[in-house]
Amino acid sequence: MTVVIEDPLIAAMAIHQELPLHDSARRLRALYPECPRVYGVAVMGDVSRRRWWPLEEALTRGRLAEMFELTAAEIGNPAVAAQQLAASLAHAVIGRVVALVVLEGRAWDAGLENLWVHVDSEGAIDWLGVVDPTVRTLPGDPDVGAAGTLELPSEAALATWIAHRCHRSLAPLFAELHRVSAAAVDVAAMWHAVGTAVVVAATQAPLLAGFSETVGMRRGQAVLDALAGFGLPVRGRTVSRVPLATLGQACLQ
């Protein structure tokens, strides 16, 4: 039986203006009600800033180095720690937004300057926030033309746009992780984690939502194709289904 958990941080959000992203975020949280932050996204204007920080600070204030050191100390294996952090970053930046792409043909801006992360009591990322809540939509979206939306002409355009924004965000993050981990894992392996994040979102989100698996996989493959078109090694390894609990570090911390 599904257990619905009231997340205190979500319950404390103060939404000043309802926008299409708020409706999408509610549906994403409902995918995994036992741990609603796994796929959810917050609008930064709605939340307190405690335990939140701009993802850009992973590059400018040593945040990623701190996260790696904590994870490596806990696990005792620098390579496993680096791979775990790469997977966490991949899920935060692209896995969450791809879930929305495949289910609703929508996407928030995954540019590094637009993203904040919330961390749990152990410093692990467990939620994502956006500064600008504007979503890109497809023709026929029920909210086309409404405040907080920008229409793109096709699924291909949406996939290319989100792949580009995620590429520009993840490339410097992976370069920094490679540096602070003393090359414990090569950057190509980090991009394989991105491929895994896309495939997981494109397969699990439709199953959880009762949505067309065919449409979900088509949209997910379009994102992978766009990433591969940028020369990124996002394919090449067998991807197994990832248990949902591994996608979020903590539910209610």
C-alpha atoms as a PDB file:
ATOM      1  CA  MET A   1       0.000   0.000   0.000  1.00  0.00           C
ATOM      2  CA  THR A   2       1.303   3.445  -0.910  1.00  0.00           C
ATOM      3  CA  VAL A   3       2.044   5.612   2.083  1.00  0.00           C
ATOM      4  CA  VAL A   4       1.506   9.313   1.520  1.00  0.00           C
ATOM      5  CA  ILE A   5       3.962  11.362   3.559  1.00  0.00           C
ATOM      6  CA  GLU A   6       3.461  15.027   4.316  1.00  0.00           C
ATOM      7  CA  ASP A   7       6.849  16.572   3.741  1.00  0.00           C
ATOM      8  CA  PRO A   8       7.269  19.501   6.157  1.00  0.00           C
ATOM      9  CA  LEU A   9       9.334  21.537   3.710  1.00  0.00           C
ATOM     10  CA  ILE A  10       6.736  21.139   0.991  1.00  0.00           C
ATOM     11  CA  ALA A  11       3.913  21.909   3.408  1.00  0.00           C
ATOM     12  CA  ALA A  12       5.712  25.100   4.451  1.00  0.00           C
ATOM     13  CA  MET A  13       5.978  26.497   0.928  1.00  0.00           C
ATOM     14  CA  ALA A  14       4.270  29.867   0.463  1.00  0.00           C
ATOM     15  CA  ILE A  15       3.134  30.168  -3.153  1.00  0.00           C
ATOM     16  CA  HIS A  16       2.524  33.805  -4.003  1.00  0.00           C
ATOM     17  CA  GLN A  17       1.542  33.312  -7.654  1.00  0.00           C
ATOM     18  CA  GLU A  18       0.261  30.063  -9.116  1.00  0.00           C
ATOM     19  CA  LEU A  19       2.081  29.228 -12.337  1.00  0.00           C
ATOM     20  CA  PRO A  20       2.038  26.198 -14.645  1.00  0.00           C
ATOM     21  CA  LEU A  21       5.228  24.894 -13.039  1.00  0.00           C
ATOM     22  CA  HIS A  22       3.432  24.639  -9.701  1.00  0.00           C
ATOM     23  CA  ASP A  23       0.868  22.252 -11.192  1.00  0.00           C
ATOM     24  CA  SER A  24       3.613  20.231 -12.877  1.00  0.00           C
ATOM     25  CA  ALA A  25       5.585  20.095  -9.630  1.00  0.00           C
ATOM     26  CA  ARG A  26       2.585  18.700  -7.765  1.00  0.00           C
ATOM     27  CA  ARG A  27       2.228  15.945 -10.338  1.00  0.00           C
ATOM     28  CA  LEU A  28       5.945  15.162 -10.122  1.00  0.00           C
ATOM     29  CA  ARG A  29       5.754  14.919  -6.342  1.00  0.00           C
ATOM     30  CA  ALA A  30       2.798  12.544  -6.676  1.00  0.00           C
ATOM     31  CA  LEU A  31       4.896  10.090  -8.709  1.00  0.00           C
ATOM     32  CA  TYR A  32       6.604   8.931  -5.538  1.00  0.00           C
ATOM     33  CA  PRO A  33       4.433   9.982  -2.585  1.00  0.00           C
ATOM     34  CA  GLU A  34       6.594   8.100  -0.078  1.00  0.00           C
ATOM     35  CA  CYS A  35       9.410  10.517  -0.890  1.00  0.00           C
ATOM     36  CA  PRO A  36       7.922  13.422  -2.852  1.00  0.00           C
ATOM     37  CA  ARG A  37      11.176  15.334  -3.315  1.00  0.00           C
ATOM     38  CA  VAL A  38      12.685  12.614  -5.514  1.00  0.00           C
ATOM     39  CA  TYR A  39      11.170  14.009  -8.703  1.00  0.00           C
ATOM     40  CA  GLY A  40       9.812  17.281  -7.405  1.00  0.00           C
ATOM     41  CA  VAL A  41      11.063  20.783  -8.035  1.00  0.00           C
ATOM     42  CA  ALA A  42      10.540  23.922  -5.963  1.00  0.00           C
ATOM     43  CA  VAL A  43      10.277  27.549  -6.986  1.00  0.00           C
ATOM     44  CA  MET A  44      12.837  29.427  -4.940  1.00  0.00           C
ATOM     45  CA  GLY A  45      10.463  32.325  -4.307  1.00  0.00           C
ATOM     46  CA  ASP A  46       8.208  29.911  -2.399  1.00  0.00           C
ATOM     47  CA  VAL A  47      10.686  28.427   0.096  1.00  0.00           C
ATOM     48  CA  SER A  48      12.934  29.486   2.915  1.00  0.00           C
ATOM     49  CA  ARG A  49      16.628  29.405   2.043  1.00  0.00           C
ATOM     50  CA  ARG A  50      17.770  27.168   4.913  1.00  0.00           C
ATOM     51  CA  ARG A  51      20.000  24.382   3.542  1.00  0.00           C
ATOM     52  CA  TRP A  52      19.599  25.706   0.010  1.00  0.00           C
ATOM     53  CA  TRP A  53      22.484  26.978  -2.116  1.00  0.00           C
ATOM     54  CA  PRO A  54      22.947  27.962  -5.764  1.00  0.00           C
ATOM     55  CA  LEU A  55      24.349  25.061  -7.753  1.00  0.00           C
ATOM     56  CA  GLU A  56      26.899  27.477  -9.239  1.00  0.00           C
ATOM     57  CA  GLU A  57      28.548  27.529  -5.796  1.00  0.00           C
ATOM     58  CA  ALA A  58      29.692  23.965  -6.455  1.00  0.00           C
ATOM     59  CA  LEU A  59      32.262  25.655  -8.691  1.00  0.00           C
ATOM     60  CA  THR A  60      32.960  28.904  -6.890  1.00  0.00           C
ATOM     61  CA  ARG A  61      32.869  28.133  -3.162  1.00  0.00           C
ATOM     62  CA  GLY A  62      34.259  24.646  -2.879  1.00  0.00           C
ATOM     63  CA  ARG A  63      30.906  23.011  -2.252  1.00  0.00           C
ATOM     64  CA  LEU A  64      31.638  20.067  -4.520  1.00  0.00           C
ATOM     65  CA  ALA A  65      34.991  19.467  -2.870  1.00  0.00           C
ATOM     66  CA  GLU A  66      33.270  19.372   0.518  1.00  0.00           C
ATOM     67  CA  MET A  67      30.635  16.954  -0.755  1.00  0.00           C
ATOM     68  CA  PHE A  68      33.278  14.676  -2.243  1.00  0.00           C
ATOM     69  CA  GLU A  69      35.363  14.655   0.923  1.00  0.00           C
ATOM     70  CA  LEU A  70      32.337  13.779   3.072  1.00  0.00           C
ATOM     71  CA  THR A  71      31.175  11.064   0.700  1.00  0.00           C
ATOM     72  CA  ALA A  72      34.637   9.568   0.278  1.00  0.00           C
ATOM     73  CA  ALA A  73      35.142   9.514   4.055  1.00  0.00           C
ATOM     74  CA  GLU A  74      31.821   7.750   4.536  1.00  0.00           C
ATOM     75  CA  ILE A  75      32.262   5.215   1.747  1.00  0.00           C
ATOM     76  CA  GLY A  76      36.012   4.742   2.014  1.00  0.00           C
ATOM     77  CA  ASN A  77      36.458   4.515  -1.750  1.00  0.00           C
ATOM     78  CA  PRO A  78      37.190   7.682  -3.754  1.00  0.00           C
ATOM     79  CA  ALA A  79      36.096   6.166  -7.079  1.00  0.00           C
ATOM     80  CA  VAL A  80      32.741   5.016  -5.718  1.00  0.00           C
ATOM     81  CA  ALA A  81      32.263   8.380  -4.005  1.00  0.00           C
ATOM     82  CA  ALA A  82      32.959  10.269  -7.233  1.00  0.00           C
ATOM     83  CA  GLN A  83      30.613   8.030  -9.213  1.00  0.00           C
ATOM     84  CA  GLN A  84      27.885   8.479  -6.596  1.00  0.00           C
ATOM     85  CA  LEU A  85      28.256  12.265  -6.722  1.00  0.00           C
ATOM     86  CA  ALA A  86      28.178  12.228 -10.524  1.00  0.00           C
ATOM     87  CA  ALA A  87      24.935  10.244 -10.422  1.00  0.00           C
ATOM     88  CA  SER A  88      23.474  12.660  -7.858  1.00  0.00           C
ATOM     89  CA  LEU A  89      24.339  15.657 -10.026  1.00  0.00           C
ATOM     90  CA  ALA A  90      22.961  13.935 -13.118  1.00  0.00           C
ATOM     91  CA  HIS A  91      19.654  13.210 -11.413  1.00  0.00           C
ATOM     92  CA  ALA A  92      19.418  16.744 -10.025  1.00  0.00           C
ATOM     93  CA  VAL A  93      20.195  18.537 -13.280  1.00  0.00           C
ATOM     94  CA  ILE A  94      18.717  16.300 -15.967  1.00  0.00           C
ATOM     95  CA  GLY A  95      16.883  13.327 -14.431  1.00  0.00           C
ATOM     96  CA  ARG A  96      14.222  15.462 -12.763  1.00  0.00           C
ATOM     97  CA  VAL A  97      13.529  17.665 -15.765  1.00  0.00           C
ATOM     98  CA  VAL A  98      13.445  14.704 -18.156  1.00  0.00           C
ATOM     99  CA  ALA A  99      10.660  13.204 -16.037  1.00  0.00           C
ATOM    100  CA  LEU A 100       8.625  16.329 -16.852  1.00  0.00           C
ATOM    101  CA  VAL A 101       9.681  16.277 -20.503  1.00  0.00           C
ATOM    102  CA  VAL A 102       8.505  12.704 -21.014  1.00  0.00           C
ATOM    103  CA  LEU A 103       5.245  13.052 -19.069  1.00  0.00           C
ATOM    104  CA  GLU A 104       4.055  16.514 -20.052  1.00  0.00           C
ATOM    105  CA  GLY A 105       6.218  17.801 -22.882  1.00  0.00           C
ATOM    106  CA  ARG A 106       7.385  20.604 -20.578  1.00  0.00           C
ATOM    107  CA  ALA A 107      10.744  21.651 -19.168  1.00  0.00           C
ATOM    108  CA  TRP A 108      12.064  24.239 -16.761  1.00  0.00           C
ATOM    109  CA  ASP A 109      15.369  25.929 -17.496  1.00  0.00           C
ATOM    110  CA  ALA A 110      18.155  23.629 -16.319  1.00  0.00           C
ATOM    111  CA  GLY A 111      20.839  26.251 -16.805  1.00  0.00           C
ATOM    112  CA  LEU A 112      23.333  26.349 -13.953  1.00  0.00           C
ATOM    113  CA  GLU A 113      22.444  29.932 -13.033  1.00  0.00           C
ATOM    114  CA  ASN A 114      18.782  28.930 -12.584  1.00  0.00           C
ATOM    115  CA  LEU A 115      19.283  25.957 -10.275  1.00  0.00           C
ATOM    116  CA  TRP A 116      19.504  25.726  -6.490  1.00  0.00           C
ATOM    117  CA  VAL A 117      19.871  22.528  -4.489  1.00  0.00           C
ATOM    118  CA  HIS A 118      18.619  21.606  -1.052  1.00  0.00           C
ATOM    119  CA  VAL A 119      20.835  19.334   1.038  1.00  0.00           C
ATOM    120  CA  ASP A 120      19.938  17.009   3.866  1.00  0.00           C
ATOM    121  CA  SER A 121      21.568  16.878   7.283  1.00  0.00           C
ATOM    122  CA  GLU A 122      24.506  14.934   5.829  1.00  0.00           C
ATOM    123  CA  GLY A 123      25.090  17.402   2.999  1.00  0.00           C
ATOM    124  CA  ALA A 124      23.613  15.263   0.197  1.00  0.00           C
ATOM    125  CA  ILE A 125      21.356  16.797  -2.463  1.00  0.00           C
ATOM    126  CA  ASP A 126      17.732  15.835  -1.890  1.00  0.00           C
ATOM    127  CA  TRP A 127      15.704  18.522  -3.686  1.00  0.00           C
ATOM    128  CA  LEU A 128      16.001  20.953  -6.570  1.00  0.00           C
ATOM    129  CA  GLY A 129      14.782  24.530  -6.920  1.00  0.00           C
ATOM    130  CA  VAL A 130      14.563  26.967  -9.810  1.00  0.00           C
ATOM    131  CA  VAL A 131      14.825  30.744  -9.687  1.00  0.00           C
ATOM    132  CA  ASP A 132      12.922  31.354 -12.932  1.00  0.00           C
ATOM    133  CA  PRO A 133       9.781  29.163 -12.983  1.00  0.00           C
ATOM    134  CA  THR A 134       9.089  29.626 -16.705  1.00  0.00           C
ATOM    135  CA  VAL A 135       8.446  26.323 -18.489  1.00  0.00           C
ATOM    136  CA  ARG A 136       8.948  25.602 -22.156  1.00  0.00           C
ATOM    137  CA  THR A 137       5.850  23.907 -23.573  1.00  0.00           C
ATOM    138  CA  LEU A 138       4.750  22.213 -26.764  1.00  0.00           C
ATOM    139  CA  PRO A 139       1.914  23.242 -29.102  1.00  0.00           C
ATOM    140  CA  GLY A 140      -1.356  21.990 -27.655  1.00  0.00           C
ATOM    141  CA  ASP A 141      -0.250  22.335 -24.037  1.00  0.00           C
ATOM    142  CA  PRO A 142      -3.282  23.472 -21.994  1.00  0.00           C
ATOM    143  CA  ASP A 143      -1.309  26.419 -20.609  1.00  0.00           C
ATOM    144  CA  VAL A 144       0.174  27.673 -23.885  1.00  0.00           C
ATOM    145  CA  GLY A 145       0.265  31.465 -23.760  1.00  0.00           C
ATOM    146  CA  ALA A 146      -0.254  31.655 -20.010  1.00  0.00           C
ATOM    147  CA  ALA A 147       2.097  33.516 -17.703  1.00  0.00           C
ATOM    148  CA  GLY A 148       5.157  31.430 -16.945  1.00  0.00           C
ATOM    149  CA  THR A 149       5.262  29.606 -20.294  1.00  0.00           C
ATOM    150  CA  LEU A 150       7.181  29.844 -23.550  1.00  0.00           C
ATOM    151  CA  GLU A 151       6.102  27.702 -26.494  1.00  0.00           C
ATOM    152  CA  LEU A 152       8.580  25.676 -28.533  1.00  0.00           C
ATOM    153  CA  PRO A 153       7.593  24.341 -31.950  1.00  0.00           C
ATOM    154  CA  SER A 154       8.166  20.591 -31.524  1.00  0.00           C
ATOM    155  CA  GLU A 155       9.361  17.725 -29.349  1.00  0.00           C
ATOM    156  CA  ALA A 156      12.668  17.810 -31.206  1.00  0.00           C
ATOM    157  CA  ALA A 157      13.137  21.489 -30.336  1.00  0.00           C
ATOM    158  CA  LEU A 158      12.300  20.823 -26.688  1.00  0.00           C
ATOM    159  CA  ALA A 159      14.698  17.871 -26.492  1.00  0.00           C
ATOM    160  CA  THR A 160      17.509  19.840 -28.115  1.00  0.00           C
ATOM    161  CA  TRP A 161      16.973  22.840 -25.858  1.00  0.00           C
ATOM    162  CA  ILE A 162      16.937  20.877 -22.610  1.00  0.00           C
ATOM    163  CA  ALA A 163      19.905  18.749 -23.686  1.00  0.00           C
ATOM    164  CA  HIS A 164      21.864  21.911 -24.462  1.00  0.00           C
ATOM    165  CA  ARG A 165      21.017  23.557 -21.127  1.00  0.00           C
ATOM    166  CA  CYS A 166      21.872  20.413 -19.165  1.00  0.00           C
ATOM    167  CA  HIS A 167      25.123  19.970 -21.116  1.00  0.00           C
ATOM    168  CA  ARG A 168      26.190  23.518 -20.275  1.00  0.00           C
ATOM    169  CA  SER A 169      25.410  22.912 -16.598  1.00  0.00           C
ATOM    170  CA  LEU A 170      26.896  19.475 -16.159  1.00  0.00           C
ATOM    171  CA  ALA A 171      30.133  19.952 -18.121  1.00  0.00           C
ATOM    172  CA  PRO A 172      31.732  22.355 -15.599  1.00  0.00           C
ATOM    173  CA  LEU A 173      30.345  20.357 -12.661  1.00  0.00           C
ATOM    174  CA  PHE A 174      31.895  17.162 -13.955  1.00  0.00           C
ATOM    175  CA  ALA A 175      35.176  18.914 -14.685  1.00  0.00           C
ATOM    176  CA  GLU A 176      35.262  20.186 -11.106  1.00  0.00           C
ATOM    177  CA  LEU A 177      34.352  16.772  -9.696  1.00  0.00           C
ATOM    178  CA  HIS A 178      37.149  15.223 -11.769  1.00  0.00           C
ATOM    179  CA  ARG A 179      39.556  17.784 -10.305  1.00  0.00           C
ATOM    180  CA  VAL A 180      38.546  17.556  -6.638  1.00  0.00           C
ATOM    181  CA  SER A 181      38.457  13.756  -6.744  1.00  0.00           C
ATOM    182  CA  ALA A 182      41.965  13.615  -8.226  1.00  0.00           C
ATOM    183  CA  ALA A 183      40.549  11.904 -11.319  1.00  0.00           C
ATOM    184  CA  ALA A 184      39.094   9.027  -9.307  1.00  0.00           C
ATOM    185  CA  VAL A 185      36.547   8.576 -12.111  1.00  0.00           C
ATOM    186  CA  ASP A 186      36.985   9.767 -15.677  1.00  0.00           C
ATOM    187  CA  VAL A 187      34.607  12.325 -17.125  1.00  0.00           C
ATOM    188  CA  ALA A 188      33.291   9.884 -19.732  1.00  0.00           C
ATOM    189  CA  ALA A 189      31.986   7.667 -16.919  1.00  0.00           C
ATOM    190  CA  MET A 190      30.183  10.686 -15.466  1.00  0.00           C
ATOM    191  CA  TRP A 191      28.422  11.221 -18.796  1.00  0.00           C
ATOM    192  CA  HIS A 192      27.403   7.573 -18.757  1.00  0.00           C
ATOM    193  CA  ALA A 193      25.658   8.413 -15.479  1.00  0.00           C
ATOM    194  CA  VAL A 194      23.752  11.098 -17.385  1.00  0.00           C
ATOM    195  CA  GLY A 195      22.606   8.521 -19.910  1.00  0.00           C
ATOM    196  CA  THR A 196      21.447   6.330 -17.050  1.00  0.00           C
ATOM    197  CA  ALA A 197      19.559   9.237 -15.449  1.00  0.00           C
ATOM    198  CA  VAL A 198      17.726   9.953 -18.708  1.00  0.00           C
ATOM    199  CA  VAL A 199      16.800   6.314 -19.298  1.00  0.00           C
ATOM    200  CA  VAL A 200      15.641   5.851 -15.702  1.00  0.00           C
ATOM    201  CA  ALA A 201      13.416   8.920 -15.876  1.00  0.00           C
ATOM    202  CA  ALA A 202      12.056   7.984 -19.299  1.00  0.00           C
ATOM    203  CA  THR A 203      11.133   4.466 -18.173  1.00  0.00           C
ATOM    204  CA  GLN A 204      10.126   4.850 -14.532  1.00  0.00           C
ATOM    205  CA  ALA A 205       8.149   8.102 -14.702  1.00  0.00           C
ATOM    206  CA  PRO A 206       5.611   6.772 -17.234  1.00  0.00           C
ATOM    207  CA  LEU A 207       5.198   3.583 -15.208  1.00  0.00           C
ATOM    208  CA  LEU A 208       4.544   5.557 -12.044  1.00  0.00           C
ATOM    209  CA  ALA A 209       2.171   7.954 -13.767  1.00  0.00           C
ATOM    210  CA  GLY A 210       0.274   5.399 -15.841  1.00  0.00           C
ATOM    211  CA  PHE A 211       1.453   7.256 -18.932  1.00  0.00           C
ATOM    212  CA  SER A 212       2.351   5.925 -22.384  1.00  0.00           C
ATOM    213  CA  GLU A 213       5.676   4.112 -22.186  1.00  0.00           C
ATOM    214  CA  THR A 214       6.062   4.545 -25.937  1.00  0.00           C
ATOM    215  CA  VAL A 215       5.758   8.328 -25.765  1.00  0.00           C
ATOM    216  CA  GLY A 216       7.996   8.462 -22.723  1.00  0.00           C
ATOM    217  CA  MET A 217      10.750   6.456 -24.384  1.00  0.00           C
ATOM    218  CA  ARG A 218      10.458   8.461 -27.605  1.00  0.00           C
ATOM    219  CA  ARG A 219      10.942  11.715 -25.733  1.00  0.00           C
ATOM    220  CA  GLY A 220      13.731  10.294 -23.599  1.00  0.00           C
ATOM    221  CA  GLN A 221      15.532   8.969 -26.666  1.00  0.00           C
ATOM    222  CA  ALA A 222      15.234  12.392 -28.282  1.00  0.00           C
ATOM    223  CA  VAL A 223      17.097  13.905 -25.334  1.00  0.00           C
ATOM    224  CA  LEU A 224      19.759  11.175 -25.532  1.00  0.00           C
ATOM    225  CA  ASP A 225      20.092  11.741 -29.271  1.00  0.00           C
ATOM    226  CA  ALA A 226      20.606  15.461 -28.714  1.00  0.00           C
ATOM    227  CA  LEU A 227      23.244  14.836 -26.037  1.00  0.00           C
ATOM    228  CA  ALA A 228      25.022  12.339 -28.278  1.00  0.00           C
ATOM    229  CA  GLY A 229      24.856  14.895 -31.069  1.00  0.00           C
ATOM    230  CA  PHE A 230      26.906  17.219 -28.875  1.00  0.00           C
ATOM    231  CA  GLY A 231      29.583  14.519 -28.774  1.00  0.00           C
ATOM    232  CA  LEU A 232      28.803  13.347 -25.248  1.00  0.00           C
ATOM    233  CA  PRO A 233      29.321   9.649 -24.346  1.00  0.00           C
ATOM    234  CA  VAL A 234      25.874   9.065 -22.854  1.00  0.00           C
ATOM    235  CA  ARG A 235      25.424   5.647 -24.448  1.00  0.00           C
ATOM    236  CA  GLY A 236      27.374   2.446 -24.421  1.00  0.00           C
ATOM    237  CA  ARG A 237      26.574   0.732 -21.142  1.00  0.00           C
ATOM    238  CA  THR A 238      23.711  -1.519 -20.177  1.00  0.00           C
ATOM    239  CA  VAL A 239      21.325   0.353 -17.910  1.00  0.00           C
ATOM    240  CA  SER A 240      19.383  -1.536 -15.274  1.00  0.00           C
ATOM    241  CA  ARG A 241      16.304  -0.276 -13.535  1.00  0.00           C
ATOM    242  CA  VAL A 242      17.272   1.848 -10.542  1.00  0.00           C
ATOM    243  CA  PRO A 243      15.263   1.462  -7.332  1.00  0.00           C
ATOM    244  CA  LEU A 244      13.359   4.660  -6.616  1.00  0.00           C
ATOM    245  CA  ALA A 245      14.778   4.948  -3.121  1.00  0.00           C
ATOM    246  CA  THR A 246      18.267   5.421  -4.528  1.00  0.00           C
ATOM    247  CA  LEU A 247      17.232   8.573  -6.418  1.00  0.00           C
ATOM    248  CA  GLY A 248      16.797  10.608  -3.256  1.00  0.00           C
ATOM    249  CA  GLN A 249      19.259  10.688  -0.401  1.00  0.00           C
ATOM    250  CA  ALA A 250      16.655  11.506   2.252  1.00  0.00           C
ATOM    251  CA  CYS A 251      12.935  12.118   2.327  1.00  0.00           C
ATOM    252  CA  LEU A 252      12.202  14.262   5.325  1.00  0.00           C
ATOM    253  CA  GLN A 253      15.445  15.641   6.646  1.00  0.00           C
END
